[in-house]
């Protein structure tokens, strides 16, 4: 598995946050059951991905502090 640099992870997490905001906007704007279901599912997956990316960033920072 390729290892992403910290800058790439930050750019990826910012992109996911923007996608999450768009998904929330679709959920609020459109009152359709299909679009609500798709955007809520996408929101859940994006939240899990964002938490995983931030966890890896924190672990890498801790590792760089503990192992100079």
Protein backbone atom coordinates (compact mmCIF):
# COMPACT_ATOMS: atom_id res chain seq x y z
CA UNK A 1 0.00 0.00 0.00
CA UNK A 2 1.49 3.35 -0.97
CA UNK A 3 2.18 5.70 1.90
CA UNK A 4 0.83 9.22 1.44
CA UNK A 5 2.82 12.20 2.65
CA UNK A 6 1.31 14.48 5.27
CA UNK A 7 0.58 17.20 2.70
CA UNK A 8 -1.30 14.75 0.51
CA UNK A 9 -3.33 13.57 3.50
CA UNK A 10 -4.22 17.14 4.42
CA UNK A 11 -5.29 17.92 0.84
CA UNK A 12 -7.31 14.69 0.75
CA UNK A 13 -9.00 15.48 4.08
CA UNK A 14 -9.87 19.01 2.93
CA UNK A 15 -11.41 17.54 -0.22
CA UNK A 16 -13.41 15.11 1.87
CA UNK A 17 -14.60 17.90 4.16
CA UNK A 18 -15.79 19.86 1.12
CA UNK A 19 -17.56 16.74 -0.17
CA UNK A 20 -19.15 16.27 3.24
CA UNK A 21 -20.46 19.84 3.21
CA UNK A 22 -21.87 19.30 -0.30
CA UNK A 23 -23.53 16.10 0.87
CA UNK A 24 -25.11 17.92 3.80
CA UNK A 25 -26.35 20.64 1.44
CA UNK A 26 -27.94 18.05 -0.84
CA UNK A 27 -29.61 16.39 2.13
CA UNK A 28 -31.06 19.69 3.35
CA UNK A 29 -31.97 21.11 -0.07
CA UNK A 30 -33.63 18.18 -1.82
CA UNK A 31 -36.58 16.48 -0.16
CA UNK A 32 -36.33 13.30 -2.20
CA UNK A 33 -35.98 9.92 -0.48
CA UNK A 34 -33.45 8.59 -2.98
CA UNK A 35 -31.16 11.64 -2.83
CA UNK A 36 -31.47 11.74 0.97
CA UNK A 37 -30.48 8.08 1.25
CA UNK A 38 -27.52 8.44 -1.10
CA UNK A 39 -26.22 11.62 0.52
CA UNK A 40 -26.60 10.25 4.06
CA UNK A 41 -24.72 7.09 3.07
CA UNK A 42 -22.00 9.17 1.45
CA UNK A 43 -21.83 11.38 4.54
CA UNK A 44 -21.33 8.36 6.78
CA UNK A 45 -18.54 7.00 4.58
CA UNK A 46 -16.85 10.40 4.40
CA UNK A 47 -16.93 10.81 8.18
CA UNK A 48 -15.30 7.40 8.65
CA UNK A 49 -12.63 8.26 6.05
CA UNK A 50 -11.93 11.66 7.60
CA UNK A 51 -11.54 10.12 11.06
CA UNK A 52 -9.15 7.50 9.67
CA UNK A 53 -7.03 10.11 7.88
CA UNK A 54 -6.84 12.40 10.90
CA UNK A 55 -5.93 9.43 13.10
CA UNK A 56 -3.04 8.51 10.82
CA UNK A 57 -1.85 12.13 10.75
CA UNK A 58 -1.89 12.27 14.56
CA UNK A 59 -0.06 8.96 14.83
CA UNK A 60 2.61 10.09 12.37
CA UNK A 61 3.11 13.34 14.29
CA UNK A 62 3.41 11.45 17.58
CA UNK A 63 5.85 9.02 16.01
CA UNK A 64 7.99 11.86 14.67
CA UNK A 65 8.04 13.50 18.10
CA UNK A 66 8.90 10.30 19.97
CA UNK A 67 11.46 9.03 17.43
CA UNK A 68 13.64 11.97 16.39
